[in-house]
PDB file of N, CA and C in Angstrom:
ATOM      1  N   MET A   1     103.299  92.541  92.944  1.00  0.00           N
ATOM      2  CA  MET A   1     103.949  91.248  93.011  1.00  0.00           C
ATOM      3  C   MET A   1     105.152  91.228  92.062  1.00  0.00           C
ATOM      4  N   ILE A   2     106.229  90.678  92.535  1.00  0.00           N
ATOM      5  CA  ILE A   2     107.446  90.613  91.731  1.00  0.00           C
ATOM      6  C   ILE A   2     107.480  89.295  90.963  1.00  0.00           C
ATOM      7  N   LYS A   3     107.590  89.415  89.639  1.00  0.00           N
ATOM      8  CA  LYS A   3     107.706  88.227  88.789  1.00  0.00           C
ATOM      9  C   LYS A   3     108.927  88.319  87.888  1.00  0.00           C
ATOM     10  N   ASN A   4     109.194  89.532  87.380  1.00  0.00           N
ATOM     11  CA  ASN A   4     110.204  89.743  86.362  1.00  0.00           C
ATOM     12  C   ASN A   4     111.342  90.594  86.944  1.00  0.00           C
ATOM     13  N   ILE A   5     112.539  90.025  87.019  1.00  0.00           N
ATOM     14  CA  ILE A   5     113.671  90.686  87.689  1.00  0.00           C
ATOM     15  C   ILE A   5     114.802  90.944  86.703  1.00  0.00           C
ATOM     16  N   LEU A   6     115.368  92.142  86.782  1.00  0.00           N
ATOM     17  CA  LEU A   6     116.576  92.490  86.032  1.00  0.00           C
ATOM     18  C   LEU A   6     117.745  92.458  87.002  1.00  0.00           C
ATOM     19  N   ALA A   7     118.753  91.620  86.708  1.00  0.00           N
ATOM     20  CA  ALA A   7     119.942  91.496  87.560  1.00  0.00           C
ATOM     21  C   ALA A   7     121.158  91.955  86.764  1.00  0.00           C
ATOM     22  N   ILE A   8     121.870  92.949  87.296  1.00  0.00           N
ATOM     23  CA  ILE A   8     122.998  93.551  86.584  1.00  0.00           C
ATOM     24  C   ILE A   8     124.268  93.387  87.416  1.00  0.00           C
ATOM     25  N   ASP A   9     125.267  92.747  86.826  1.00  0.00           N
ATOM     26  CA  ASP A   9     126.558  92.585  87.505  1.00  0.00           C
ATOM     27  C   ASP A   9     127.619  92.322  86.451  1.00  0.00           C
ATOM     28  N   ASP A  10     128.794  92.913  86.612  1.00  0.00           N
ATOM     29  CA  ASP A  10     129.846  92.717  85.623  1.00  0.00           C
ATOM     30  C   ASP A  10     130.573  91.382  85.806  1.00  0.00           C
ATOM     31  N   SER A  11     130.283  90.674  86.878  1.00  0.00           N
ATOM     32  CA  SER A  11     130.885  89.366  87.110  1.00  0.00           C
ATOM     33  C   SER A  11     129.982  88.264  86.544  1.00  0.00           C
ATOM     34  N   ALA A  12     130.523  87.488  85.606  1.00  0.00           N
ATOM     35  CA  ALA A  12     129.745  86.393  85.004  1.00  0.00           C
ATOM     36  C   ALA A  12     129.318  85.392  86.069  1.00  0.00           C
ATOM     37  N   ALA A  13     130.193  85.115  87.035  1.00  0.00           N
ATOM     38  CA  ALA A  13     129.855  84.170  88.099  1.00  0.00           C
ATOM     39  C   ALA A  13     128.690  84.697  88.937  1.00  0.00           C
ATOM     40  N   MET A  14     128.706  85.980  89.245  1.00  0.00           N
ATOM     41  CA  MET A  14     127.625  86.566  90.035  1.00  0.00           C
ATOM     42  C   MET A  14     126.312  86.561  89.252  1.00  0.00           C
ATOM     43  N   ARG A  15     126.381  86.858  87.957  1.00  0.00           N
ATOM     44  CA  ARG A  15     125.163  86.802  87.138  1.00  0.00           C
ATOM     45  C   ARG A  15     124.576  85.397  87.155  1.00  0.00           C
ATOM     46  N   GLN A  16     125.455  84.401  87.082  1.00  0.00           N
ATOM     47  CA  GLN A  16     125.001  83.012  87.087  1.00  0.00           C
ATOM     48  C   GLN A  16     124.348  82.669  88.434  1.00  0.00           C
ATOM     49  N   ILE A  17     124.946  83.094  89.536  1.00  0.00           N
ATOM     50  CA  ILE A  17     124.384  82.841  90.871  1.00  0.00           C
ATOM     51  C   ILE A  17     123.028  83.528  91.012  1.00  0.00           C
ATOM     52  N   LEU A  18     122.947  84.784  90.608  1.00  0.00           N
ATOM     53  CA  LEU A  18     121.684  85.525  90.708  1.00  0.00           C
ATOM     54  C   LEU A  18     120.599  84.856  89.875  1.00  0.00           C
ATOM     55  N   SER A  19     120.936  84.516  88.642  1.00  0.00           N
ATOM     56  CA  SER A  19     119.968  83.905  87.749  1.00  0.00           C
ATOM     57  C   SER A  19     119.500  82.556  88.288  1.00  0.00           C
ATOM     58  N   ALA A  20     120.432  81.702  88.691  1.00  0.00           N
ATOM     59  CA  ALA A  20     120.077  80.371  89.193  1.00  0.00           C
ATOM     60  C   ALA A  20     119.244  80.468  90.472  1.00  0.00           C
ATOM     61  N   THR A  21     119.661  81.327  91.402  1.00  0.00           N
ATOM     62  CA  THR A  21     118.956  81.468  92.674  1.00  0.00           C
ATOM     63  C   THR A  21     117.526  81.946  92.463  1.00  0.00           C
ATOM     64  N   LEU A  22     117.370  82.986  91.663  1.00  0.00           N
ATOM     65  CA  LEU A  22     116.048  83.588  91.487  1.00  0.00           C
ATOM     66  C   LEU A  22     115.144  82.765  90.572  1.00  0.00           C
ATOM     67  N   THR A  23     115.726  82.113  89.563  1.00  0.00           N
ATOM     68  CA  THR A  23     114.932  81.252  88.689  1.00  0.00           C
ATOM     69  C   THR A  23     114.397  80.066  89.487  1.00  0.00           C
ATOM     70  N   THR A  24     115.247  79.487  90.331  1.00  0.00           N
ATOM     71  CA  THR A  24     114.833  78.370  91.181  1.00  0.00           C
ATOM     72  C   THR A  24     113.706  78.790  92.125  1.00  0.00           C
ATOM     73  N   ALA A  25     113.718  80.045  92.547  1.00  0.00           N
ATOM     74  CA  ALA A  25     112.676  80.562  93.439  1.00  0.00           C
ATOM     75  C   ALA A  25     111.395  80.928  92.680  1.00  0.00           C
ATOM     76  N   GLY A  26     111.411  80.766  91.349  1.00  0.00           N
ATOM     77  CA  GLY A  26     110.189  80.977  90.578  1.00  0.00           C
ATOM     78  C   GLY A  26     110.063  82.302  89.855  1.00  0.00           C
ATOM     79  N   TYR A  27     111.149  83.077  89.803  1.00  0.00           N
ATOM     80  CA  TYR A  27     111.108  84.370  89.135  1.00  0.00           C
ATOM     81  C   TYR A  27     111.656  84.262  87.710  1.00  0.00           C
ATOM     82  N   GLU A  28     111.212  85.175  86.844  1.00  0.00           N
ATOM     83  CA  GLU A  28     111.808  85.310  85.521  1.00  0.00           C
ATOM     84  C   GLU A  28     112.967  86.285  85.673  1.00  0.00           C
ATOM     85  N   VAL A  29     114.140  85.914  85.181  1.00  0.00           N
ATOM     86  CA  VAL A  29     115.336  86.732  85.392  1.00  0.00           C
ATOM     87  C   VAL A  29     115.999  87.074  84.061  1.00  0.00           C
ATOM     88  N   THR A  30     116.292  88.341  83.894  1.00  0.00           N
ATOM     89  CA  THR A  30     117.080  88.827  82.769  1.00  0.00           C
ATOM     90  C   THR A  30     118.380  89.345  83.360  1.00  0.00           C
ATOM     91  N   VAL A  31     119.516  88.971  82.778  1.00  0.00           N
ATOM     92  CA  VAL A  31     120.797  89.455  83.289  1.00  0.00           C
ATOM     93  C   VAL A  31     121.444  90.415  82.303  1.00  0.00           C
ATOM     94  N   ALA A  32     122.186  91.359  82.862  1.00  0.00           N
ATOM     95  CA  ALA A  32     122.949  92.326  82.068  1.00  0.00           C
ATOM     96  C   ALA A  32     124.345  92.420  82.672  1.00  0.00           C
ATOM     97  N   SER A  33     125.342  92.690  81.816  1.00  0.00           N
ATOM     98  CA  SER A  33     126.734  92.641  82.261  1.00  0.00           C
ATOM     99  C   SER A  33     127.309  93.983  82.705  1.00  0.00           C
ATOM    100  N   ASP A  34     126.569  95.071  82.499  1.00  0.00           N
ATOM    101  CA  ASP A  34     127.036  96.365  83.001  1.00  0.00           C
ATOM    102  C   ASP A  34     125.861  97.337  83.063  1.00  0.00           C
ATOM    103  N   GLY A  35     126.124  98.508  83.606  1.00  0.00           N
ATOM    104  CA  GLY A  35     125.055  99.492  83.791  1.00  0.00           C
ATOM    105  C   GLY A  35     124.412  99.953  82.494  1.00  0.00           C
ATOM    106  N   ASN A  36     125.210 100.098  81.445  1.00  0.00           N
ATOM    107  CA  ASN A  36     124.637 100.531  80.167  1.00  0.00           C
ATOM    108  C   ASN A  36     123.696  99.478  79.594  1.00  0.00           C
ATOM    109  N   GLU A  37     124.121  98.213  79.626  1.00  0.00           N
ATOM    110  CA  GLU A  37     123.268  97.137  79.132  1.00  0.00           C
ATOM    111  C   GLU A  37     122.014  97.017  80.015  1.00  0.00           C
ATOM    112  N   GLY A  38     122.202  97.176  81.309  1.00  0.00           N
ATOM    113  CA  GLY A  38     121.068  97.119  82.227  1.00  0.00           C
ATOM    114  C   GLY A  38     120.050  98.208  81.931  1.00  0.00           C
ATOM    115  N   LEU A  39     120.525  99.411  81.656  1.00  0.00           N
ATOM    116  CA  LEU A  39     119.629 100.519  81.332  1.00  0.00           C
ATOM    117  C   LEU A  39     118.877 100.223  80.033  1.00  0.00           C
ATOM    118  N   GLU A  40     119.580  99.684  79.043  1.00  0.00           N
ATOM    119  CA  GLU A  40     118.913  99.333  77.780  1.00  0.00           C
ATOM    120  C   GLU A  40     117.789  98.337  78.021  1.00  0.00           C
ATOM    121  N   TRP A  41     118.054  97.293  78.808  1.00  0.00           N
ATOM    122  CA  TRP A  41     117.023  96.302  79.118  1.00  0.00           C
ATOM    123  C   TRP A  41     115.854  96.954  79.855  1.00  0.00           C
ATOM    124  N   ALA A  42     116.175  97.786  80.848  1.00  0.00           N
ATOM    125  CA  ALA A  42     115.128  98.409  81.667  1.00  0.00           C
ATOM    126  C   ALA A  42     114.218  99.303  80.840  1.00  0.00           C
ATOM    127  N   LEU A  43     114.775  99.961  79.841  1.00  0.00           N
ATOM    128  CA  LEU A  43     113.966 100.845  79.006  1.00  0.00           C
ATOM    129  C   LEU A  43     113.185 100.067  77.946  1.00  0.00           C
ATOM    130  N   ALA A  44     113.672  98.886  77.584  1.00  0.00           N
ATOM    131  CA  ALA A  44     113.017  98.077  76.549  1.00  0.00           C
ATOM    132  C   ALA A  44     111.908  97.195  77.117  1.00  0.00           C
ATOM    133  N   GLU A  45     112.009  96.847  78.381  1.00  0.00           N
ATOM    134  CA  GLU A  45     111.076  95.918  79.003  1.00  0.00           C
ATOM    135  C   GLU A  45     110.785  96.401  80.424  1.00  0.00           C
ATOM    136  N   ARG A  46     109.635  96.079  80.948  1.00  0.00           N
ATOM    137  CA  ARG A  46     109.265  96.513  82.295  1.00  0.00           C
ATOM    138  C   ARG A  46     109.626  95.421  83.305  1.00  0.00           C
ATOM    139  N   PHE A  47     110.378  95.791  84.333  1.00  0.00           N
ATOM    140  CA  PHE A  47     110.777  94.845  85.371  1.00  0.00           C
ATOM    141  C   PHE A  47     110.129  95.231  86.698  1.00  0.00           C
ATOM    142  N   ASP A  48     109.857  94.211  87.523  1.00  0.00           N
ATOM    143  CA  ASP A  48     109.225  94.430  88.825  1.00  0.00           C
ATOM    144  C   ASP A  48     110.253  94.701  89.916  1.00  0.00           C
ATOM    145  N   LEU A  49     111.513  94.342  89.648  1.00  0.00           N
ATOM    146  CA  LEU A  49     112.603  94.527  90.597  1.00  0.00           C
ATOM    147  C   LEU A  49     113.896  94.630  89.811  1.00  0.00           C
ATOM    148  N   VAL A  50     114.775  95.520  90.251  1.00  0.00           N
ATOM    149  CA  VAL A  50     116.105  95.639  89.644  1.00  0.00           C
ATOM    150  C   VAL A  50     117.138  95.385  90.736  1.00  0.00           C
ATOM    151  N   LEU A  51     118.075  94.490  90.447  1.00  0.00           N
ATOM    152  CA  LEU A  51     119.221  94.234  91.315  1.00  0.00           C
ATOM    153  C   LEU A  51     120.437  94.702  90.542  1.00  0.00           C
ATOM    154  N   THR A  52     121.245  95.562  91.150  1.00  0.00           N
ATOM    155  CA  THR A  52     122.421  96.043  90.432  1.00  0.00           C
ATOM    156  C   THR A  52     123.659  96.036  91.317  1.00  0.00           C
ATOM    157  N   ASP A  53     124.753  95.616  90.727  1.00  0.00           N
ATOM    158  CA  ASP A  53     126.059  95.727  91.367  1.00  0.00           C
ATOM    159  C   ASP A  53     126.398  97.214  91.447  1.00  0.00           C
ATOM    160  N   GLN A  54     127.227  97.591  92.384  1.00  0.00           N
ATOM    161  CA  GLN A  54     127.652  98.985  92.473  1.00  0.00           C
ATOM    162  C   GLN A  54     128.851  99.260  91.572  1.00  0.00           C
ATOM    163  N   HIS A  55     129.894  98.458  91.693  1.00  0.00           N
ATOM    164  CA  HIS A  55     131.150  98.732  90.980  1.00  0.00           C
ATOM    165  C   HIS A  55     131.179  98.007  89.642  1.00  0.00           C
ATOM    166  N   MET A  56     130.893  98.763  88.588  1.00  0.00           N
ATOM    167  CA  MET A  56     130.900  98.213  87.225  1.00  0.00           C
ATOM    168  C   MET A  56     131.579  99.214  86.302  1.00  0.00           C
ATOM    169  N   PRO A  57     132.148  98.717  85.186  1.00  0.00           N
ATOM    170  CA  PRO A  57     132.740  99.646  84.227  1.00  0.00           C
ATOM    171  C   PRO A  57     131.664 100.504  83.570  1.00  0.00           C
ATOM    172  N   GLN A  58     132.018 101.689  83.172  1.00  0.00           N
ATOM    173  CA  GLN A  58     131.191 102.644  82.438  1.00  0.00           C
ATOM    174  C   GLN A  58     130.129 103.338  83.288  1.00  0.00           C
ATOM    175  N   LYS A  59     129.288 102.570  83.988  1.00  0.00           N
ATOM    176  CA  LYS A  59     128.210 103.186  84.761  1.00  0.00           C
ATOM    177  C   LYS A  59     128.069 102.431  86.077  1.00  0.00           C
ATOM    178  N   SER A  60     128.207 103.145  87.186  1.00  0.00           N
ATOM    179  CA  SER A  60     128.074 102.499  88.492  1.00  0.00           C
ATOM    180  C   SER A  60     126.610 102.186  88.782  1.00  0.00           C
ATOM    181  N   GLY A  61     126.411 101.348  89.773  1.00  0.00           N
ATOM    182  CA  GLY A  61     125.051 101.016  90.181  1.00  0.00           C
ATOM    183  C   GLY A  61     124.264 102.242  90.606  1.00  0.00           C
ATOM    184  N   LEU A  62     124.891 103.147  91.358  1.00  0.00           N
ATOM    185  CA  LEU A  62     124.171 104.337  91.830  1.00  0.00           C
ATOM    186  C   LEU A  62     123.826 105.272  90.677  1.00  0.00           C
ATOM    187  N   ASP A  63     124.714 105.365  89.681  1.00  0.00           N
ATOM    188  CA  ASP A  63     124.399 106.175  88.489  1.00  0.00           C
ATOM    189  C   ASP A  63     123.208 105.573  87.749  1.00  0.00           C
ATOM    190  N   LEU A  64     123.204 104.248  87.634  1.00  0.00           N
ATOM    191  CA  LEU A  64     122.100 103.556  86.975  1.00  0.00           C
ATOM    192  C   LEU A  64     120.793 103.798  87.732  1.00  0.00           C
ATOM    193  N   ILE A  65     120.836 103.682  89.044  1.00  0.00           N
ATOM    194  CA  ILE A  65     119.630 103.888  89.853  1.00  0.00           C
ATOM    195  C   ILE A  65     119.076 105.291  89.646  1.00  0.00           C
ATOM    196  N   ALA A  66     119.960 106.286  89.665  1.00  0.00           N
ATOM    197  CA  ALA A  66     119.506 107.667  89.469  1.00  0.00           C
ATOM    198  C   ALA A  66     118.822 107.815  88.105  1.00  0.00           C
ATOM    199  N   GLU A  67     119.387 107.179  87.071  1.00  0.00           N
ATOM    200  CA  GLU A  67     118.771 107.256  85.738  1.00  0.00           C
ATOM    201  C   GLU A  67     117.426 106.542  85.706  1.00  0.00           C
ATOM    202  N   LEU A  68     117.342 105.390  86.366  1.00  0.00           N
ATOM    203  CA  LEU A  68     116.064 104.670  86.393  1.00  0.00           C
ATOM    204  C   LEU A  68     115.007 105.462  87.159  1.00  0.00           C
ATOM    205  N   ARG A  69     115.393 106.057  88.264  1.00  0.00           N
ATOM    206  CA  ARG A  69     114.436 106.836  89.066  1.00  0.00           C
ATOM    207  C   ARG A  69     113.920 108.055  88.304  1.00  0.00           C
ATOM    208  N   ALA A  70     114.695 108.559  87.366  1.00  0.00           N
ATOM    209  CA  ALA A  70     114.257 109.706  86.553  1.00  0.00           C
ATOM    210  C   ALA A  70     113.213 109.283  85.517  1.00  0.00           C
ATOM    211  N   ASN A  71     113.102 107.970  85.279  1.00  0.00           N
ATOM    212  CA  ASN A  71     112.140 107.431  84.325  1.00  0.00           C
ATOM    213  C   ASN A  71     110.848 107.112  85.069  1.00  0.00           C
ATOM    214  N   HIS A  72     109.741 107.632  84.585  1.00  0.00           N
ATOM    215  CA  HIS A  72     108.456 107.471  85.266  1.00  0.00           C
ATOM    216  C   HIS A  72     108.137 106.002  85.576  1.00  0.00           C
ATOM    217  N   ALA A  73     108.475 105.097  84.675  1.00  0.00           N
ATOM    218  CA  ALA A  73     108.159 103.675  84.852  1.00  0.00           C
ATOM    219  C   ALA A  73     108.875 103.049  86.048  1.00  0.00           C
ATOM    220  N   TYR A  74     109.970 103.655  86.486  1.00  0.00           N
ATOM    221  CA  TYR A  74     110.766 103.071  87.578  1.00  0.00           C
ATOM    222  C   TYR A  74     110.769 103.913  88.848  1.00  0.00           C
ATOM    223  N   ARG A  75     109.878 104.874  88.955  1.00  0.00           N
ATOM    224  CA  ARG A  75     109.860 105.715  90.159  1.00  0.00           C
ATOM    225  C   ARG A  75     109.564 104.921  91.425  1.00  0.00           C
ATOM    226  N   ALA A  76     108.685 103.909  91.328  1.00  0.00           N
ATOM    227  CA  ALA A  76     108.290 103.146  92.514  1.00  0.00           C
ATOM    228  C   ALA A  76     108.798 101.708  92.507  1.00  0.00           C
ATOM    229  N   THR A  77     109.562 101.329  91.500  1.00  0.00           N
ATOM    230  CA  THR A  77     110.072  99.962  91.396  1.00  0.00           C
ATOM    231  C   THR A  77     111.160  99.722  92.442  1.00  0.00           C
ATOM    232  N   PRO A  78     111.086  98.610  93.169  1.00  0.00           N
ATOM    233  CA  PRO A  78     112.173  98.317  94.121  1.00  0.00           C
ATOM    234  C   PRO A  78     113.497  98.110  93.370  1.00  0.00           C
ATOM    235  N   ILE A  79     114.546  98.756  93.875  1.00  0.00           N
ATOM    236  CA  ILE A  79     115.888  98.609  93.299  1.00  0.00           C
ATOM    237  C   ILE A  79     116.856  98.326  94.445  1.00  0.00           C
ATOM    238  N   LEU A  80     117.549  97.202  94.360  1.00  0.00           N
ATOM    239  CA  LEU A  80     118.519  96.823  95.380  1.00  0.00           C
ATOM    240  C   LEU A  80     119.929  96.881  94.806  1.00  0.00           C
ATOM    241  N   VAL A  81     120.866  97.341  95.621  1.00  0.00           N
ATOM    242  CA  VAL A  81     122.275  97.399  95.226  1.00  0.00           C
ATOM    243  C   VAL A  81     122.998  96.219  95.863  1.00  0.00           C
ATOM    244  N   LEU A  82     123.768  95.516  95.050  1.00  0.00           N
ATOM    245  CA  LEU A  82     124.634  94.445  95.541  1.00  0.00           C
ATOM    246  C   LEU A  82     126.020  95.045  95.665  1.00  0.00           C
ATOM    247  N   THR A  83     126.586  94.997  96.858  1.00  0.00           N
ATOM    248  CA  THR A  83     127.834  95.729  97.062  1.00  0.00           C
ATOM    249  C   THR A  83     128.714  95.099  98.130  1.00  0.00           C
ATOM    250  N   THR A  84     129.990  95.406  98.059  1.00  0.00           N
ATOM    251  CA  THR A  84     130.918  95.013  99.116  1.00  0.00           C
ATOM    252  C   THR A  84     131.037  96.139 100.148  1.00  0.00           C
ATOM    253  N   GLU A  85     130.429  97.276  99.855  1.00  0.00           N
ATOM    254  CA  GLU A  85     130.512  98.433 100.751  1.00  0.00           C
ATOM    255  C   GLU A  85     129.388  98.387 101.779  1.00  0.00           C
ATOM    256  N   GLY A  86     129.754  98.520 103.037  1.00  0.00           N
ATOM    257  CA  GLY A  86     128.732  98.499 104.074  1.00  0.00           C
ATOM    258  C   GLY A  86     128.705  99.753 104.919  1.00  0.00           C
ATOM    259  N   GLY A  87     129.573 100.706 104.600  1.00  0.00           N
ATOM    260  CA  GLY A  87     129.687 101.903 105.420  1.00  0.00           C
ATOM    261  C   GLY A  87     128.510 102.852 105.259  1.00  0.00           C
ATOM    262  N   GLU A  88     128.315 103.685 106.264  1.00  0.00           N
ATOM    263  CA  GLU A  88     127.213 104.638 106.266  1.00  0.00           C
ATOM    264  C   GLU A  88     127.277 105.631 105.108  1.00  0.00           C
ATOM    265  N   PRO A  89     128.466 106.136 104.708  1.00  0.00           N
ATOM    266  CA  PRO A  89     128.496 107.064 103.568  1.00  0.00           C
ATOM    267  C   PRO A  89     127.926 106.419 102.292  1.00  0.00           C
ATOM    268  N   PHE A  90     128.251 105.135 102.053  1.00  0.00           N
ATOM    269  CA  PHE A  90     127.701 104.470 100.877  1.00  0.00           C
ATOM    270  C   PHE A  90     126.194 104.321 101.004  1.00  0.00           C
ATOM    271  N   LYS A  91     125.717 103.922 102.174  1.00  0.00           N
ATOM    272  CA  LYS A  91     124.279 103.738 102.374  1.00  0.00           C
ATOM    273  C   LYS A  91     123.534 105.053 102.151  1.00  0.00           C
ATOM    274  N   GLU A  92     124.107 106.146 102.620  1.00  0.00           N
ATOM    275  CA  GLU A  92     123.481 107.462 102.402  1.00  0.00           C
ATOM    276  C   GLU A  92     123.453 107.789 100.908  1.00  0.00           C
ATOM    277  N   ALA A  93     124.542 107.503 100.205  1.00  0.00           N
ATOM    278  CA  ALA A  93     124.596 107.764  98.760  1.00  0.00           C
ATOM    279  C   ALA A  93     123.586 106.884  98.022  1.00  0.00           C
ATOM    280  N   ALA A  94     123.458 105.641  98.456  1.00  0.00           N
ATOM    281  CA  ALA A  94     122.495 104.722  97.829  1.00  0.00           C
ATOM    282  C   ALA A  94     121.069 105.232  98.024  1.00  0.00           C
ATOM    283  N   ARG A  95     120.749 105.658  99.244  1.00  0.00           N
ATOM    284  CA  ARG A  95     119.407 106.203  99.506  1.00  0.00           C
ATOM    285  C   ARG A  95     119.174 107.455  98.677  1.00  0.00           C
ATOM    286  N   ALA A  96     120.187 108.311  98.591  1.00  0.00           N
ATOM    287  CA  ALA A  96     120.046 109.556  97.833  1.00  0.00           C
ATOM    288  C   ALA A  96     119.817 109.278  96.349  1.00  0.00           C
ATOM    289  N   ALA A  97     120.436 108.216  95.823  1.00  0.00           N
ATOM    290  CA  ALA A  97     120.264 107.865  94.414  1.00  0.00           C
ATOM    291  C   ALA A  97     118.894 107.251  94.153  1.00  0.00           C
ATOM    292  N   GLY A  98     118.266 106.750  95.226  1.00  0.00           N
ATOM    293  CA  GLY A  98     116.941 106.158  95.075  1.00  0.00           C
ATOM    294  C   GLY A  98     116.874 104.659  95.309  1.00  0.00           C
ATOM    295  N   ALA A  99     117.941 104.081  95.850  1.00  0.00           N
ATOM    296  CA  ALA A  99     117.934 102.643  96.126  1.00  0.00           C
ATOM    297  C   ALA A  99     116.910 102.315  97.201  1.00  0.00           C
ATOM    298  N   THR A 100     116.219 101.210  97.019  1.00  0.00           N
ATOM    299  CA  THR A 100     115.275 100.729  98.019  1.00  0.00           C
ATOM    300  C   THR A 100     116.052 100.137  99.184  1.00  0.00           C
ATOM    301  N   GLY A 101     117.200  99.517  98.881  1.00  0.00           N
ATOM    302  CA  GLY A 101     118.034  98.904  99.902  1.00  0.00           C
ATOM    303  C   GLY A 101     119.268  98.308  99.268  1.00  0.00           C
ATOM    304  N   TRP A 102     119.997  97.495 100.035  1.00  0.00           N
ATOM    305  CA  TRP A 102     121.231  96.913  99.531  1.00  0.00           C
ATOM    306  C   TRP A 102     121.438  95.562 100.175  1.00  0.00           C
ATOM    307  N   ILE A 103     122.178  94.738  99.489  1.00  0.00           N
ATOM    308  CA  ILE A 103     122.581  93.438 100.003  1.00  0.00           C
ATOM    309  C   ILE A 103     124.093  93.384  99.873  1.00  0.00           C
ATOM    310  N   GLU A 104     124.755  93.099 100.998  1.00  0.00           N
ATOM    311  CA  GLU A 104     126.212  93.068 100.975  1.00  0.00           C
ATOM    312  C   GLU A 104     126.723  91.738 100.442  1.00  0.00           C
ATOM    313  N   LYS A 105     127.797  91.835  99.662  1.00  0.00           N
ATOM    314  CA  LYS A 105     128.485  90.652  99.163  1.00  0.00           C
ATOM    315  C   LYS A 105     129.497  90.221 100.210  1.00  0.00           C
ATOM    316  N   PRO A 106     129.841  88.948 100.329  1.00  0.00           N
ATOM    317  CA  PRO A 106     129.410  87.861  99.446  1.00  0.00           C
ATOM    318  C   PRO A 106     127.913  87.586  99.613  1.00  0.00           C
ATOM    319  N   LEU A 107     127.303  87.258  98.501  1.00  0.00           N
ATOM    320  CA  LEU A 107     125.867  87.074  98.442  1.00  0.00           C
ATOM    321  C   LEU A 107     125.443  85.773  99.111  1.00  0.00           C
ATOM    322  N   ASP A 108     124.444  85.875  99.980  1.00  0.00           N
ATOM    323  CA  ASP A 108     123.820  84.707 100.594  1.00  0.00           C
ATOM    324  C   ASP A 108     122.536  84.434  99.806  1.00  0.00           C
ATOM    325  N   PRO A 109     122.492  83.357  99.005  1.00  0.00           N
ATOM    326  CA  PRO A 109     121.314  83.098  98.172  1.00  0.00           C
ATOM    327  C   PRO A 109     120.002  83.015  98.959  1.00  0.00           C
ATOM    328  N   ASP A 110     120.048  82.447 100.165  1.00  0.00           N
ATOM    329  CA  ASP A 110     118.830  82.357 100.977  1.00  0.00           C
ATOM    330  C   ASP A 110     118.350  83.742 101.392  1.00  0.00           C
ATOM    331  N   LEU A 111     119.291  84.612 101.771  1.00  0.00           N
ATOM    332  CA  LEU A 111     118.927  85.978 102.137  1.00  0.00           C
ATOM    333  C   LEU A 111     118.330  86.700 100.933  1.00  0.00           C
ATOM    334  N   LEU A 112     118.929  86.513  99.758  1.00  0.00           N
ATOM    335  CA  LEU A 112     118.421  87.153  98.551  1.00  0.00           C
ATOM    336  C   LEU A 112     116.969  86.756  98.300  1.00  0.00           C
ATOM    337  N   THR A 113     116.667  85.456  98.350  1.00  0.00           N
ATOM    338  CA  THR A 113     115.287  85.023  98.077  1.00  0.00           C
ATOM    339  C   THR A 113     114.336  85.525  99.151  1.00  0.00           C
ATOM    340  N   GLU A 114     114.793  85.609 100.404  1.00  0.00           N
ATOM    341  CA  GLU A 114     113.945  86.147 101.478  1.00  0.00           C
ATOM    342  C   GLU A 114     113.632  87.620 101.238  1.00  0.00           C
ATOM    343  N   VAL A 115     114.640  88.398 100.851  1.00  0.00           N
ATOM    344  CA  VAL A 115     114.444  89.829 100.611  1.00  0.00           C
ATOM    345  C   VAL A 115     113.502  90.048  99.429  1.00  0.00           C
ATOM    346  N   VAL A 116     113.700  89.295  98.352  1.00  0.00           N
ATOM    347  CA  VAL A 116     112.833  89.442  97.177  1.00  0.00           C
ATOM    348  C   VAL A 116     111.398  89.050  97.530  1.00  0.00           C
ATOM    349  N   ALA A 117     111.228  87.975  98.294  1.00  0.00           N
ATOM    350  CA  ALA A 117     109.884  87.558  98.705  1.00  0.00           C
ATOM    351  C   ALA A 117     109.220  88.636  99.572  1.00  0.00           C
ATOM    352  N   ALA A 118     109.990  89.233 100.481  1.00  0.00           N
ATOM    353  CA  ALA A 118     109.446  90.297 101.328  1.00  0.00           C
ATOM    354  C   ALA A 118     109.059  91.517 100.498  1.00  0.00           C
ATOM    355  N   LEU A 119     109.898  91.891  99.539  1.00  0.00           N
ATOM    356  CA  LEU A 119     109.571  93.017  98.655  1.00  0.00           C
ATOM    357  C   LEU A 119     108.338  92.705  97.818  1.00  0.00           C
ATOM    358  N   SER A 120     108.215  91.456  97.392  1.00  0.00           N
ATOM    359  CA  SER A 120     107.063  91.058  96.596  1.00  0.00           C
ATOM    360  C   SER A 120     105.776  91.213  97.400  1.00  0.00           C
ATOM    361  N   GLU A 121     105.821  90.847  98.675  1.00  0.00           N
ATOM    362  CA  GLU A 121     104.651  91.010  99.544  1.00  0.00           C
ATOM    363  C   GLU A 121     104.316  92.495  99.706  1.00  0.00           C
ATOM    364  N   ASP A 122     105.360  93.315  99.868  1.00  0.00           N
ATOM    365  CA  ASP A 122     105.139  94.767 100.031  1.00  0.00           C
ATOM    366  C   ASP A 122     104.479  95.376  98.804  1.00  0.00           C
ATOM    367  N   THR A 123     104.834  94.896  97.616  1.00  0.00           N
ATOM    368  CA  THR A 123     104.285  95.497  96.402  1.00  0.00           C
ATOM    369  C   THR A 123     102.851  95.050  96.136  1.00  0.00           C
ATOM    370  N   GLN A 124     102.369  94.051  96.869  1.00  0.00           N
ATOM    371  CA  GLN A 124     100.985  93.601  96.701  1.00  0.00           C
ATOM    372  C   GLN A 124     100.013  94.491  97.443  1.00  0.00           C
ATOM    373  N   HIS A 125     100.479  95.179  98.476  1.00  0.00           N
ATOM    374  CA  HIS A 125      99.570  95.964  99.316  1.00  0.00           C
ATOM    375  C   HIS A 125      99.389  97.368  98.797  1.00  0.00           C
TER     376      HIS A 125
END
């Protein structure tokens, strides 16, 4: 079951949307402003789901995912990429890095809560 979510995006507005949407849906949300900060949070605390932007300074979302997947605690944790890229080459790279899936921007808050709820059901079985 998903209760504790780490949301990483270099856009303050996007962090606010993610936090407000998911908190309203009943989740605990921690936000980080880039991949390095997100990795620090992920290693310091255990999260049930990680949402990460792809294009960020210093560390991209896919680089972050690869690092999280190398950590035993995050081998099976759902990780979603938030991205403006919808092409097949990006999707293949995301899968190769270990992403569970992706949500294309602009973000639809209703779609986000539906996807998180569906992932939460999957992790219960």
